[in-house]
Every structure is written in C-alpha cells, then in structure tokens.
C-alpha cells in the first residue's frame, strides 16, 4: 500500500479532496484552437506543431477549427477556456486588428489573453485577373482612378491583415475600389480566378501557383524585399510607395490568467518545435518564413501591433459593425 504524505493525511482529515492539490503541467490533453477554416495558415501551423508538442509535453494534442466572425468566434471560445495552459489559440493579424475596427468584442484582447510565442510570417501579393488591362501596380492605380468604385478587390475577410493592408494602400494611392471579403485566402483566390473580382490581395502561397501558370497576373509583393517563389515581381515599395511593407504573421496565445510557469513551458516547447526539420519543411512549403519570438517579446509585439493598427484604422476610417 502506498504511503500518504503528511499534507495528504491532513487533507483527508479535513475533507479536502486530494485532486485539489497542485499538479504538474500539463496534466491532461492540450487543445489548440485555430479560428480559421481547415487549410488556412493558422490551421497548418496548429497541425504541424501538434506532433512535436505531443511528444515533448507528454500529452495528446487536439486541433479544433472554430472559424467565423473574422476570427472572433474561435477567439471567444479560447477566452472562456480554463486558464490552466491546456488551451492554446493560434492567431494572426486579425487578433490585433479586431479591437481597432469592431465596436464590441465578447472579450478583452489585452486582458483576456497572454502571448506565448510568435511562429512565422508571410508577405502578401497584389494580383489581377488576366482580363484586367494592367501589368503593374501603377497601371492598376491609373485604371482605378479612371473608374472609381468600379473595380472590386478580394481579401481573406473583413478585419484581416489583408483587409487593413488593402485599405491602407487605397488611402495612400488615393483610389476607390470596392472590397469583397471572403472566408479565407483560398476562396478569395478562387473569386479572382473565376472573374468574380478584379483584384486580390492575400498571402503569396495562395496565389503563387496561379501566377506561375498565367491564370493570374501578379503586380507587387508587400514585403521589403522580393521573394524567391515570385522573384520577377517588384515590391510595393519598388512600385512607387517607399516604406510600404506589411506581412501576415502567426502566433499563439493562452487565456490571460494562465500561470507563468505554464506559459513559459509552452513557449519553450513551441520555439523548440519550430527548429525541427519536420516543422521547418512544412513551414517553408507553406510559403511561411520563421519568425520566432518568446513569450515576453511576443507580448510586447502584440501591444505594439494593436497600437499601430488603431492608428491605421483611424486614418482610413475602417469600422466593421
């Protein structure tokens, strides 16, 4: 028969269940919530990290897709989870944009979450359907000015990083194009491929194969430097807008009251997993660039992003309600 500790005997005498005693972390399966549909960047990262994390944490990992509401649906689910480190939320730019463009959220972005790690980033690309008579970003601007409000442009959704970047570009270029939001980069790409929209602005990976095949015409990349898979395309800065650079980034957060020990353990294990060949290979094939940041650095990054997005949203008068 096993021996009870002094504390354990006292607990029994006082009627306190032993389960109430502190336990090591993690003590049960870990849930990763991806607030985008299957196949999106957040989903890909969640699933490629699941294997290594399961091994290092010694627990099974369950990936749960909860898309909808511009990531608000999945984010709310995560905000209501127990703050014990057993629920992770994979996030992207929309996490820091929503507070700036939505009047009411069912959670407090700053208070209800704590940063764990930044994972990766990817640039965006402007592209058009071949029927649109432009070959450069400058020609697109000229056409949009000649036909104000007539051209439509697709993004991965209202309040996403693509949406904010497109609105900022419209403001800087002094053009008027009609925004058409879709539920993810793939549907947005399909919309312009089918001729339902004239222009699209989403992640490089979503468009690179179609640009290479000639089904779409690429115009410019939003990163500060050209990218290897579309090296013939100039950057937006090279196209007449010096200083314009933006990207889609991905990270992970937990409910805000999660113990620091659990946050640090998760952060360390995630950053280690990002260095594994099996993870790096999937990240690279997904058109993503490693962009690791630990918990404290990522927390600082998130607050800076919220401040920056608030300024941009106010400057372009962007509200989603």
C-alpha atoms as a PDB file:
ATOM      1  CA  UNK A   1       0.000   0.000   0.000  1.00  0.00           C
ATOM      2  CA  UNK A   2       1.349   3.404  -0.967  1.00  0.00           C
ATOM      3  CA  UNK A   3       2.139   5.998   1.705  1.00  0.00           C
ATOM      4  CA  UNK A   4       0.261   9.302   2.045  1.00  0.00           C
ATOM      5  CA  UNK A   5       2.228  12.451   2.773  1.00  0.00           C
ATOM      6  CA  UNK A   6       1.560  14.490   5.896  1.00  0.00           C
ATOM      7  CA  UNK A   7      -0.282  17.019   3.731  1.00  0.00           C
ATOM      8  CA  UNK A   8      -2.300  14.214   2.157  1.00  0.00           C
ATOM      9  CA  UNK A   9      -3.362  12.851   5.553  1.00  0.00           C
ATOM     10  CA  UNK A  10      -4.342  16.330   6.719  1.00  0.00           C
ATOM     11  CA  UNK A  11      -6.354  16.830   3.558  1.00  0.00           C
ATOM     12  CA  UNK A  12      -8.295  13.627   4.163  1.00  0.00           C
ATOM     13  CA  UNK A  13      -8.973  14.533   7.786  1.00  0.00           C
ATOM     14  CA  UNK A  14     -10.242  17.955   6.766  1.00  0.00           C
ATOM     15  CA  UNK A  15     -12.373  16.531   3.970  1.00  0.00           C
ATOM     16  CA  UNK A  16     -10.366  18.237   1.202  1.00  0.00           C
ATOM     17  CA  UNK A  17     -10.142  16.096  -1.972  1.00  0.00           C
ATOM     18  CA  UNK A  18      -6.623  15.160  -2.991  1.00  0.00           C
ATOM     19  CA  UNK A  19      -7.416  16.306  -6.550  1.00  0.00           C
ATOM     20  CA  UNK A  20      -7.312  19.878  -5.267  1.00  0.00           C
ATOM     21  CA  UNK A  21      -3.581  19.621  -4.653  1.00  0.00           C
ATOM     22  CA  UNK A  22      -1.308  21.282  -7.267  1.00  0.00           C
ATOM     23  CA  UNK A  23      -0.354  19.065 -10.171  1.00  0.00           C
ATOM     24  CA  UNK A  24       2.403  19.229 -12.761  1.00  0.00           C
ATOM     25  CA  UNK A  25       1.757  20.858 -16.122  1.00  0.00           C
ATOM     26  CA  UNK A  26       0.411  19.579 -18.418  1.00  0.00           C
ATOM     27  CA  UNK A  27      -1.910  17.177 -16.654  1.00  0.00           C
ATOM     28  CA  UNK A  28      -4.371  16.488 -19.482  1.00  0.00           C
ATOM     29  CA  UNK A  29      -4.688  16.787 -23.301  1.00  0.00           C
ATOM     30  CA  UNK A  30      -3.935  20.208 -24.771  1.00  0.00           C
ATOM     31  CA  UNK A  31      -6.402  21.843 -27.133  1.00  0.00           C
ATOM     32  CA  UNK A  32      -5.209  24.114 -29.954  1.00  0.00           C
ATOM     33  CA  UNK A  33      -7.942  26.339 -31.374  1.00  0.00           C
ATOM     34  CA  UNK A  34      -7.493  27.559 -34.960  1.00  0.00           C
ATOM     35  CA  UNK A  35     -10.027  30.352 -35.698  1.00  0.00           C
ATOM     36  CA  UNK A  36      -9.821  29.820 -39.459  1.00  0.00           C
ATOM     37  CA  UNK A  37     -11.101  27.034 -41.744  1.00  0.00           C
ATOM     38  CA  UNK A  38      -9.036  23.871 -42.379  1.00  0.00           C
ATOM     39  CA  UNK A  39      -6.170  24.567 -44.764  1.00  0.00           C
ATOM     40  CA  UNK A  40      -5.619  28.158 -43.633  1.00  0.00           C
ATOM     41  CA  UNK A  41      -2.233  29.276 -42.280  1.00  0.00           C
ATOM     42  CA  UNK A  42      -3.305  29.043 -38.639  1.00  0.00           C
ATOM     43  CA  UNK A  43      -4.655  25.536 -39.206  1.00  0.00           C
ATOM     44  CA  UNK A  44      -1.469  24.384 -40.954  1.00  0.00           C
ATOM     45  CA  UNK A  45       0.715  25.671 -38.126  1.00  0.00           C
ATOM     46  CA  UNK A  46      -1.510  24.146 -35.465  1.00  0.00           C
ATOM     47  CA  UNK A  47      -1.367  20.721 -37.079  1.00  0.00           C
ATOM     48  CA  UNK A  48       2.346  20.674 -37.822  1.00  0.00           C
ATOM     49  CA  UNK A  49       3.112  21.694 -34.225  1.00  0.00           C
ATOM     50  CA  UNK A  50       0.712  19.139 -32.742  1.00  0.00           C
ATOM     51  CA  UNK A  51       3.037  16.146 -33.204  1.00  0.00           C
ATOM     52  CA  UNK A  52       6.213  17.608 -31.660  1.00  0.00           C
ATOM     53  CA  UNK A  53       4.263  19.240 -28.834  1.00  0.00           C
ATOM     54  CA  UNK A  54       2.506  15.988 -28.026  1.00  0.00           C
ATOM     55  CA  UNK A  55       5.879  14.256 -27.680  1.00  0.00           C
ATOM     56  CA  UNK A  56       7.561  16.985 -25.641  1.00  0.00           C
ATOM     57  CA  UNK A  57       4.595  17.681 -23.359  1.00  0.00           C
ATOM     58  CA  UNK A  58       3.666  14.028 -22.943  1.00  0.00           C
ATOM     59  CA  UNK A  59       0.006  14.673 -23.732  1.00  0.00           C
ATOM     60  CA  UNK A  60      -2.225  14.312 -26.765  1.00  0.00           C
ATOM     61  CA  UNK A  61      -2.908  17.484 -28.754  1.00  0.00           C
ATOM     62  CA  UNK A  62      -6.352  18.184 -30.188  1.00  0.00           C
ATOM     63  CA  UNK A  63      -6.671  20.753 -33.002  1.00  0.00           C
ATOM     64  CA  UNK A  64     -10.087  22.360 -33.171  1.00  0.00           C
ATOM     65  CA  UNK A  65     -11.154  24.605 -36.065  1.00  0.00           C
ATOM     66  CA  UNK A  66     -13.561  27.324 -34.957  1.00  0.00           C
ATOM     67  CA  UNK A  67     -13.862  29.747 -37.921  1.00  0.00           C
ATOM     68  CA  UNK A  68     -16.290  32.620 -38.208  1.00  0.00           C
ATOM     69  CA  UNK A  69     -16.813  36.266 -37.370  1.00  0.00           C
ATOM     70  CA  UNK A  70     -13.406  37.383 -38.589  1.00  0.00           C
ATOM     71  CA  UNK A  71     -11.773  35.024 -36.030  1.00  0.00           C
ATOM     72  CA  UNK A  72     -13.995  36.382 -33.232  1.00  0.00           C
ATOM     73  CA  UNK A  73     -15.821  33.042 -32.828  1.00  0.00           C
ATOM     74  CA  UNK A  74     -12.707  30.987 -32.129  1.00  0.00           C
ATOM     75  CA  UNK A  75     -11.116  33.726 -30.064  1.00  0.00           C
ATOM     76  CA  UNK A  76     -14.170  33.942 -27.811  1.00  0.00           C
ATOM     77  CA  UNK A  77     -14.099  30.164 -27.299  1.00  0.00           C
ATOM     78  CA  UNK A  78     -10.462  30.407 -26.200  1.00  0.00           C
ATOM     79  CA  UNK A  79     -11.171  33.368 -23.900  1.00  0.00           C
ATOM     80  CA  UNK A  80     -13.706  31.284 -21.958  1.00  0.00           C
ATOM     81  CA  UNK A  81     -11.418  28.270 -21.558  1.00  0.00           C
ATOM     82  CA  UNK A  82      -9.885  27.484 -18.153  1.00  0.00           C
ATOM     83  CA  UNK A  83      -6.692  29.485 -17.664  1.00  0.00           C
ATOM     84  CA  UNK A  84      -4.560  26.447 -16.937  1.00  0.00           C
ATOM     85  CA  UNK A  85      -2.371  26.253 -20.035  1.00  0.00           C
ATOM     86  CA  UNK A  86      -4.324  23.434 -21.648  1.00  0.00           C
ATOM     87  CA  UNK A  87      -5.904  25.674 -24.315  1.00  0.00           C
ATOM     88  CA  UNK A  88      -3.822  27.454 -26.953  1.00  0.00           C
ATOM     89  CA  UNK A  89      -5.186  29.842 -29.591  1.00  0.00           C
ATOM     90  CA  UNK A  90      -3.333  30.243 -32.877  1.00  0.00           C
ATOM     91  CA  UNK A  91      -3.671  33.870 -34.001  1.00  0.00           C
ATOM     92  CA  UNK A  92      -2.870  36.127 -36.929  1.00  0.00           C
ATOM     93  CA  UNK A  93      -3.059  39.888 -37.579  1.00  0.00           C
ATOM     94  CA  UNK A  94      -6.823  39.931 -37.091  1.00  0.00           C
ATOM     95  CA  UNK A  95      -6.281  39.318 -33.372  1.00  0.00           C
ATOM     96  CA  UNK A  96      -4.754  42.789 -33.051  1.00  0.00           C
ATOM     97  CA  UNK A  97      -6.938  44.428 -35.718  1.00  0.00           C
ATOM     98  CA  UNK A  98     -10.360  43.485 -34.350  1.00  0.00           C
ATOM     99  CA  UNK A  99     -10.094  45.745 -31.282  1.00  0.00           C
ATOM    100  CA  UNK A 100      -9.466  48.682 -33.610  1.00  0.00           C
ATOM    101  CA  UNK A 101     -12.279  48.050 -36.097  1.00  0.00           C
ATOM    102  CA  UNK A 102     -15.058  46.396 -34.093  1.00  0.00           C
ATOM    103  CA  UNK A 103     -17.034  48.404 -31.562  1.00  0.00           C
ATOM    104  CA  UNK A 104     -17.903  45.395 -29.414  1.00  0.00           C
ATOM    105  CA  UNK A 105     -15.993  42.180 -28.822  1.00  0.00           C
ATOM    106  CA  UNK A 106     -17.100  39.395 -26.444  1.00  0.00           C
ATOM    107  CA  UNK A 107     -13.648  39.509 -24.809  1.00  0.00           C
ATOM    108  CA  UNK A 108     -10.934  41.999 -23.887  1.00  0.00           C
ATOM    109  CA  UNK A 109      -7.996  41.341 -26.190  1.00  0.00           C
ATOM    110  CA  UNK A 110      -5.384  42.772 -23.835  1.00  0.00           C
ATOM    111  CA  UNK A 111      -6.714  41.488 -20.509  1.00  0.00           C
ATOM    112  CA  UNK A 112      -8.102  38.103 -21.526  1.00  0.00           C
ATOM    113  CA  UNK A 113      -5.006  36.756 -23.281  1.00  0.00           C
ATOM    114  CA  UNK A 114      -1.275  36.346 -22.760  1.00  0.00           C
ATOM    115  CA  UNK A 115       1.280  35.929 -25.509  1.00  0.00           C
ATOM    116  CA  UNK A 116       3.081  32.600 -25.784  1.00  0.00           C
ATOM    117  CA  UNK A 117       5.146  32.716 -28.992  1.00  0.00           C
ATOM    118  CA  UNK A 118       5.268  34.206 -32.459  1.00  0.00           C
ATOM    119  CA  UNK A 119       5.625  31.492 -35.064  1.00  0.00           C
ATOM    120  CA  UNK A 120       6.007  32.654 -38.653  1.00  0.00           C
ATOM    121  CA  UNK A 121       5.155  35.337 -41.196  1.00  0.00           C
ATOM    122  CA  UNK A 122       4.440  35.624 -44.900  1.00  0.00           C
ATOM    123  CA  UNK A 123       4.167  38.517 -47.355  1.00  0.00           C
ATOM    124  CA  UNK A 124       1.088  39.341 -49.412  1.00  0.00           C
ATOM    125  CA  UNK A 125       0.798  39.877 -53.143  1.00  0.00           C
ATOM    126  CA  UNK A 126      -1.415  42.043 -55.329  1.00  0.00           C
ATOM    127  CA  UNK A 127      -2.720  40.166 -58.363  1.00  0.00           C
ATOM    128  CA  UNK A 128      -5.398  40.666 -61.008  1.00  0.00           C
ATOM    129  CA  UNK A 129      -7.454  38.537 -63.364  1.00  0.00           C
ATOM    130  CA  UNK A 130      -5.821  38.486 -66.850  1.00  0.00           C
ATOM    131  CA  UNK A 131      -8.825  40.325 -68.264  1.00  0.00           C
ATOM    132  CA  UNK A 132      -7.918  43.411 -66.232  1.00  0.00           C
ATOM    133  CA  UNK A 133      -5.834  45.590 -68.593  1.00  0.00           C
ATOM    134  CA  UNK A 134      -2.910  46.326 -66.258  1.00  0.00           C
ATOM    135  CA  UNK A 135       0.579  44.893 -65.851  1.00  0.00           C
ATOM    136  CA  UNK A 136       1.948  46.983 -62.989  1.00  0.00           C
ATOM    137  CA  UNK A 137       0.732  48.457 -59.734  1.00  0.00           C
ATOM    138  CA  UNK A 138       0.990  51.952 -61.214  1.00  0.00           C
ATOM    139  CA  UNK A 139      -1.260  50.917 -64.105  1.00  0.00           C
ATOM    140  CA  UNK A 140      -3.781  49.486 -61.624  1.00  0.00           C
ATOM    141  CA  UNK A 141      -3.832  52.800 -59.798  1.00  0.00           C
ATOM    142  CA  UNK A 142      -4.394  54.681 -63.056  1.00  0.00           C
ATOM    143  CA  UNK A 143      -7.257  52.353 -64.008  1.00  0.00           C
ATOM    144  CA  UNK A 144      -8.851  52.643 -60.569  1.00  0.00           C
ATOM    145  CA  UNK A 145      -8.695  56.434 -60.757  1.00  0.00           C
ATOM    146  CA  UNK A 146     -10.285  56.371 -64.191  1.00  0.00           C
ATOM    147  CA  UNK A 147     -13.058  54.049 -62.972  1.00  0.00           C
ATOM    148  CA  UNK A 148     -13.655  54.986 -59.314  1.00  0.00           C
ATOM    149  CA  UNK A 149     -15.625  52.378 -57.395  1.00  0.00           C
ATOM    150  CA  UNK A 150     -15.936  50.004 -60.359  1.00  0.00           C
ATOM    151  CA  UNK A 151     -13.019  47.685 -59.615  1.00  0.00           C
ATOM    152  CA  UNK A 152     -13.551  45.064 -56.907  1.00  0.00           C
ATOM    153  CA  UNK A 153     -10.834  43.547 -54.743  1.00  0.00           C
ATOM    154  CA  UNK A 154     -10.958  40.345 -52.709  1.00  0.00           C
ATOM    155  CA  UNK A 155      -9.394  39.696 -49.313  1.00  0.00           C
ATOM    156  CA  UNK A 156      -9.451  36.795 -46.858  1.00  0.00           C
ATOM    157  CA  UNK A 157     -12.087  38.517 -44.742  1.00  0.00           C
ATOM    158  CA  UNK A 158     -13.250  41.710 -43.078  1.00  0.00           C
ATOM    159  CA  UNK A 159     -10.834  42.857 -40.407  1.00  0.00           C
ATOM    160  CA  UNK A 160      -7.965  40.626 -41.521  1.00  0.00           C
ATOM    161  CA  UNK A 161      -4.416  41.762 -42.185  1.00  0.00           C
ATOM    162  CA  UNK A 162      -5.150  41.623 -45.911  1.00  0.00           C
ATOM    163  CA  UNK A 163      -8.151  43.905 -45.471  1.00  0.00           C
ATOM    164  CA  UNK A 164      -6.270  46.507 -43.432  1.00  0.00           C
ATOM    165  CA  UNK A 165      -3.286  46.438 -45.827  1.00  0.00           C
ATOM    166  CA  UNK A 166      -5.589  46.921 -48.810  1.00  0.00           C
ATOM    167  CA  UNK A 167      -7.412  49.821 -47.185  1.00  0.00           C
ATOM    168  CA  UNK A 168      -4.114  51.456 -46.286  1.00  0.00           C
ATOM    169  CA  UNK A 169      -2.880  51.063 -49.855  1.00  0.00           C
ATOM    170  CA  UNK A 170      -6.102  52.549 -51.248  1.00  0.00           C
ATOM    171  CA  UNK A 171      -5.683  55.527 -48.955  1.00  0.00           C
ATOM    172  CA  UNK A 172      -2.048  56.095 -49.922  1.00  0.00           C
ATOM    173  CA  UNK A 173      -2.768  55.640 -53.640  1.00  0.00           C
ATOM    174  CA  UNK A 174      -5.902  57.807 -53.420  1.00  0.00           C
ATOM    175  CA  UNK A 175      -8.062  55.260 -55.246  1.00  0.00           C
ATOM    176  CA  UNK A 176     -11.520  53.799 -54.721  1.00  0.00           C
ATOM    177  CA  UNK A 177     -12.021  50.047 -55.166  1.00  0.00           C
ATOM    178  CA  UNK A 178     -14.865  48.015 -53.666  1.00  0.00           C
ATOM    179  CA  UNK A 179     -13.813  45.494 -51.031  1.00  0.00           C
ATOM    180  CA  UNK A 180     -15.280  41.969 -51.218  1.00  0.00           C
ATOM    181  CA  UNK A 181     -14.386  39.856 -48.145  1.00  0.00           C
ATOM    182  CA  UNK A 182     -14.132  36.058 -48.341  1.00  0.00           C
ATOM    183  CA  UNK A 183     -13.695  33.422 -45.668  1.00  0.00           C
ATOM    184  CA  UNK A 184     -10.005  32.774 -46.201  1.00  0.00           C
ATOM    185  CA  UNK A 185      -7.255  33.277 -48.767  1.00  0.00           C
ATOM    186  CA  UNK A 186      -8.199  30.266 -50.906  1.00  0.00           C
ATOM    187  CA  UNK A 187     -11.807  31.423 -51.518  1.00  0.00           C
ATOM    188  CA  UNK A 188     -10.503  34.928 -52.293  1.00  0.00           C
ATOM    189  CA  UNK A 189      -8.091  33.455 -54.847  1.00  0.00           C
ATOM    190  CA  UNK A 190     -10.886  31.419 -56.420  1.00  0.00           C
ATOM    191  CA  UNK A 191     -13.014  34.561 -56.691  1.00  0.00           C
ATOM    192  CA  UNK A 192     -10.480  36.397 -58.820  1.00  0.00           C
ATOM    193  CA  UNK A 193      -9.664  33.238 -60.806  1.00  0.00           C
ATOM    194  CA  UNK A 194     -13.354  32.978 -61.696  1.00  0.00           C
ATOM    195  CA  UNK A 195     -13.516  36.628 -62.662  1.00  0.00           C
ATOM    196  CA  UNK A 196     -15.886  37.476 -59.811  1.00  0.00           C
ATOM    197  CA  UNK A 197     -13.465  40.146 -58.581  1.00  0.00           C
ATOM    198  CA  UNK A 198     -10.860  42.164 -60.469  1.00  0.00           C
ATOM    199  CA  UNK A 199      -8.085  42.290 -57.882  1.00  0.00           C
ATOM    200  CA  UNK A 200      -6.971  40.146 -54.953  1.00  0.00           C
ATOM    201  CA  UNK A 201      -4.618  40.754 -52.032  1.00  0.00           C
ATOM    202  CA  UNK A 202      -3.764  37.633 -50.000  1.00  0.00           C
ATOM    203  CA  UNK A 203      -0.754  35.537 -48.978  1.00  0.00           C
ATOM    204  CA  UNK A 204       1.899  34.697 -51.543  1.00  0.00           C
ATOM    205  CA  UNK A 205       1.308  30.940 -51.287  1.00  0.00           C
ATOM    206  CA  UNK A 206      -2.381  31.260 -52.158  1.00  0.00           C
ATOM    207  CA  UNK A 207      -1.565  32.984 -55.445  1.00  0.00           C
ATOM    208  CA  UNK A 208       1.941  31.891 -56.488  1.00  0.00           C
ATOM    209  CA  UNK A 209       0.851  28.742 -58.428  1.00  0.00           C
ATOM    210  CA  UNK A 210      -1.821  30.681 -60.319  1.00  0.00           C
ATOM    211  CA  UNK A 211       0.589  33.496 -61.151  1.00  0.00           C
ATOM    212  CA  UNK A 212       3.189  30.986 -62.359  1.00  0.00           C
ATOM    213  CA  UNK A 213       0.593  29.298 -64.586  1.00  0.00           C
ATOM    214  CA  UNK A 214      -0.570  32.593 -66.061  1.00  0.00           C
ATOM    215  CA  UNK A 215      -4.103  32.260 -64.698  1.00  0.00           C
ATOM    216  CA  UNK A 216      -3.454  35.391 -62.635  1.00  0.00           C
ATOM    217  CA  UNK A 217      -1.170  38.357 -63.227  1.00  0.00           C
ATOM    218  CA  UNK A 218       0.973  39.319 -60.241  1.00  0.00           C
ATOM    219  CA  UNK A 219       1.651  43.013 -59.695  1.00  0.00           C
ATOM    220  CA  UNK A 220       3.616  43.547 -56.487  1.00  0.00           C
ATOM    221  CA  UNK A 221       4.776  41.971 -53.208  1.00  0.00           C
ATOM    222  CA  UNK A 222       4.185  43.688 -49.851  1.00  0.00           C
ATOM    223  CA  UNK A 223       7.438  42.543 -48.228  1.00  0.00           C
ATOM    224  CA  UNK A 224      10.501  44.837 -48.058  1.00  0.00           C
ATOM    225  CA  UNK A 225      12.383  42.504 -50.427  1.00  0.00           C
ATOM    226  CA  UNK A 226      11.375  40.303 -53.350  1.00  0.00           C
ATOM    227  CA  UNK A 227      10.512  36.680 -52.626  1.00  0.00           C
ATOM    228  CA  UNK A 228      12.148  33.663 -54.250  1.00  0.00           C
ATOM    229  CA  UNK A 229       8.983  31.971 -55.500  1.00  0.00           C
ATOM    230  CA  UNK A 230       7.900  35.155 -57.341  1.00  0.00           C
ATOM    231  CA  UNK A 231      11.229  36.910 -57.775  1.00  0.00           C
ATOM    232  CA  UNK A 232      10.137  38.599 -61.012  1.00  0.00           C
ATOM    233  CA  UNK A 233       7.559  40.665 -59.101  1.00  0.00           C
ATOM    234  CA  UNK A 234       8.643  44.030 -57.654  1.00  0.00           C
ATOM    235  CA  UNK A 235       7.794  45.093 -54.141  1.00  0.00           C
ATOM    236  CA  UNK A 236       5.148  47.723 -53.441  1.00  0.00           C
ATOM    237  CA  UNK A 237       7.995  49.990 -52.340  1.00  0.00           C
ATOM    238  CA  UNK A 238       9.736  49.499 -55.705  1.00  0.00           C
ATOM    239  CA  UNK A 239       6.444  50.287 -57.405  1.00  0.00           C
ATOM    240  CA  UNK A 240       6.322  53.828 -56.118  1.00  0.00           C
ATOM    241  CA  UNK A 241       5.415  53.538 -52.434  1.00  0.00           C
ATOM    242  CA  UNK A 242       8.675  53.575 -50.455  1.00  0.00           C
ATOM    243  CA  UNK A 243       8.198  52.484 -46.873  1.00  0.00           C
ATOM    244  CA  UNK A 244       5.087  50.435 -47.586  1.00  0.00           C
ATOM    245  CA  UNK A 245       5.690  46.980 -46.209  1.00  0.00           C
ATOM    246  CA  UNK A 246       3.440  44.606 -44.350  1.00  0.00           C
ATOM    247  CA  UNK A 247       3.045  40.903 -43.776  1.00  0.00           C
ATOM    248  CA  UNK A 248       0.749  38.317 -42.264  1.00  0.00           C
ATOM    249  CA  UNK A 249       2.168  36.912 -39.035  1.00  0.00           C
ATOM    250  CA  UNK A 250       1.072  33.976 -36.900  1.00  0.00           C
ATOM    251  CA  UNK A 251       1.437  33.357 -33.182  1.00  0.00           C
ATOM    252  CA  UNK A 252      -0.089  31.676 -30.161  1.00  0.00           C
ATOM    253  CA  UNK A 253      -1.764  32.953 -27.004  1.00  0.00           C
ATOM    254  CA  UNK A 254      -3.447  31.489 -23.929  1.00  0.00           C
ATOM    255  CA  UNK A 255      -6.134  32.794 -21.556  1.00  0.00           C
ATOM    256  CA  UNK A 256      -4.704  35.748 -19.654  1.00  0.00           C
ATOM    257  CA  UNK A 257      -4.684  34.274 -16.151  1.00  0.00           C
ATOM    258  CA  UNK A 258      -2.674  31.211 -17.182  1.00  0.00           C
ATOM    259  CA  UNK A 259       0.183  30.575 -14.695  1.00  0.00           C
ATOM    260  CA  UNK A 260       3.520  31.945 -15.854  1.00  0.00           C
ATOM    261  CA  UNK A 261       5.139  28.543 -15.468  1.00  0.00           C
ATOM    262  CA  UNK A 262       2.726  27.025 -17.989  1.00  0.00           C
ATOM    263  CA  UNK A 263       3.175  29.956 -20.396  1.00  0.00           C
ATOM    264  CA  UNK A 264       6.960  29.642 -20.274  1.00  0.00           C
ATOM    265  CA  UNK A 265       6.847  25.856 -20.746  1.00  0.00           C
ATOM    266  CA  UNK A 266       4.561  26.176 -23.766  1.00  0.00           C
ATOM    267  CA  UNK A 267       6.685  28.958 -25.230  1.00  0.00           C
ATOM    268  CA  UNK A 268       9.905  26.971 -24.872  1.00  0.00           C
ATOM    269  CA  UNK A 269       8.406  23.816 -26.377  1.00  0.00           C
ATOM    270  CA  UNK A 270       6.881  25.705 -29.323  1.00  0.00           C
ATOM    271  CA  UNK A 271      10.122  27.543 -30.107  1.00  0.00           C
ATOM    272  CA  UNK A 272      11.989  24.234 -29.940  1.00  0.00           C
ATOM    273  CA  UNK A 273       9.437  22.594 -32.265  1.00  0.00           C
ATOM    274  CA  UNK A 274       9.896  25.391 -34.808  1.00  0.00           C
ATOM    275  CA  UNK A 275      13.546  24.344 -35.162  1.00  0.00           C
ATOM    276  CA  UNK A 276      12.755  20.720 -36.016  1.00  0.00           C
ATOM    277  CA  UNK A 277      13.347  19.726 -39.673  1.00  0.00           C
ATOM    278  CA  UNK A 278       9.849  18.223 -39.987  1.00  0.00           C
ATOM    279  CA  UNK A 279       8.289  21.532 -38.901  1.00  0.00           C
ATOM    280  CA  UNK A 280      10.658  23.787 -40.848  1.00  0.00           C
ATOM    281  CA  UNK A 281       9.921  21.822 -44.019  1.00  0.00           C
ATOM    282  CA  UNK A 282       6.150  22.270 -43.716  1.00  0.00           C
ATOM    283  CA  UNK A 283       6.568  25.948 -42.822  1.00  0.00           C
ATOM    284  CA  UNK A 284       8.748  26.557 -45.882  1.00  0.00           C
ATOM    285  CA  UNK A 285       6.431  24.656 -48.232  1.00  0.00           C
ATOM    286  CA  UNK A 286       3.570  26.746 -46.864  1.00  0.00           C
ATOM    287  CA  UNK A 287       5.278  29.907 -48.071  1.00  0.00           C
ATOM    288  CA  UNK A 288       5.982  30.978 -44.498  1.00  0.00           C
ATOM    289  CA  UNK A 289       9.130  32.462 -43.024  1.00  0.00           C
ATOM    290  CA  UNK A 290      10.202  31.536 -39.477  1.00  0.00           C
ATOM    291  CA  UNK A 291       9.642  34.485 -37.141  1.00  0.00           C
ATOM    292  CA  UNK A 292      10.112  33.116 -33.604  1.00  0.00           C
ATOM    293  CA  UNK A 293       9.594  35.289 -30.542  1.00  0.00           C
ATOM    294  CA  UNK A 294       9.368  34.125 -26.929  1.00  0.00           C
ATOM    295  CA  UNK A 295       6.534  34.947 -24.549  1.00  0.00           C
ATOM    296  CA  UNK A 296       7.675  38.345 -23.244  1.00  0.00           C
ATOM    297  CA  UNK A 297       8.898  39.572 -26.632  1.00  0.00           C
ATOM    298  CA  UNK A 298       5.698  38.426 -28.309  1.00  0.00           C
ATOM    299  CA  UNK A 299       3.602  40.175 -25.667  1.00  0.00           C
ATOM    300  CA  UNK A 300       5.458  43.415 -26.455  1.00  0.00           C
ATOM    301  CA  UNK A 301       4.964  42.803 -30.177  1.00  0.00           C
ATOM    302  CA  UNK A 302       1.197  42.280 -29.738  1.00  0.00           C
ATOM    303  CA  UNK A 303       0.743  45.541 -27.851  1.00  0.00           C
ATOM    304  CA  UNK A 304       2.734  47.443 -30.472  1.00  0.00           C
ATOM    305  CA  UNK A 305       0.630  45.876 -33.250  1.00  0.00           C
ATOM    306  CA  UNK A 306      -2.603  46.897 -31.520  1.00  0.00           C
ATOM    307  CA  UNK A 307      -1.401  50.477 -31.239  1.00  0.00           C
ATOM    308  CA  UNK A 308      -0.265  50.565 -34.870  1.00  0.00           C
ATOM    309  CA  UNK A 309      -3.490  49.032 -36.172  1.00  0.00           C
ATOM    310  CA  UNK A 310      -5.542  51.502 -34.157  1.00  0.00           C
ATOM    311  CA  UNK A 311      -3.732  54.367 -35.882  1.00  0.00           C
ATOM    312  CA  UNK A 312      -4.127  52.851 -39.351  1.00  0.00           C
ATOM    313  CA  UNK A 313      -7.817  52.010 -38.856  1.00  0.00           C
ATOM    314  CA  UNK A 314      -8.483  55.540 -37.686  1.00  0.00           C
ATOM    315  CA  UNK A 315      -6.541  57.032 -40.615  1.00  0.00           C
ATOM    316  CA  UNK A 316      -8.516  55.051 -43.230  1.00  0.00           C
ATOM    317  CA  UNK A 317     -11.795  55.266 -41.262  1.00  0.00           C
ATOM    318  CA  UNK A 318     -12.192  51.483 -41.126  1.00  0.00           C
ATOM    319  CA  UNK A 319     -15.006  50.123 -38.945  1.00  0.00           C
ATOM    320  CA  UNK A 320     -16.727  46.724 -39.074  1.00  0.00           C
ATOM    321  CA  UNK A 321     -20.022  46.656 -37.199  1.00  0.00           C
END
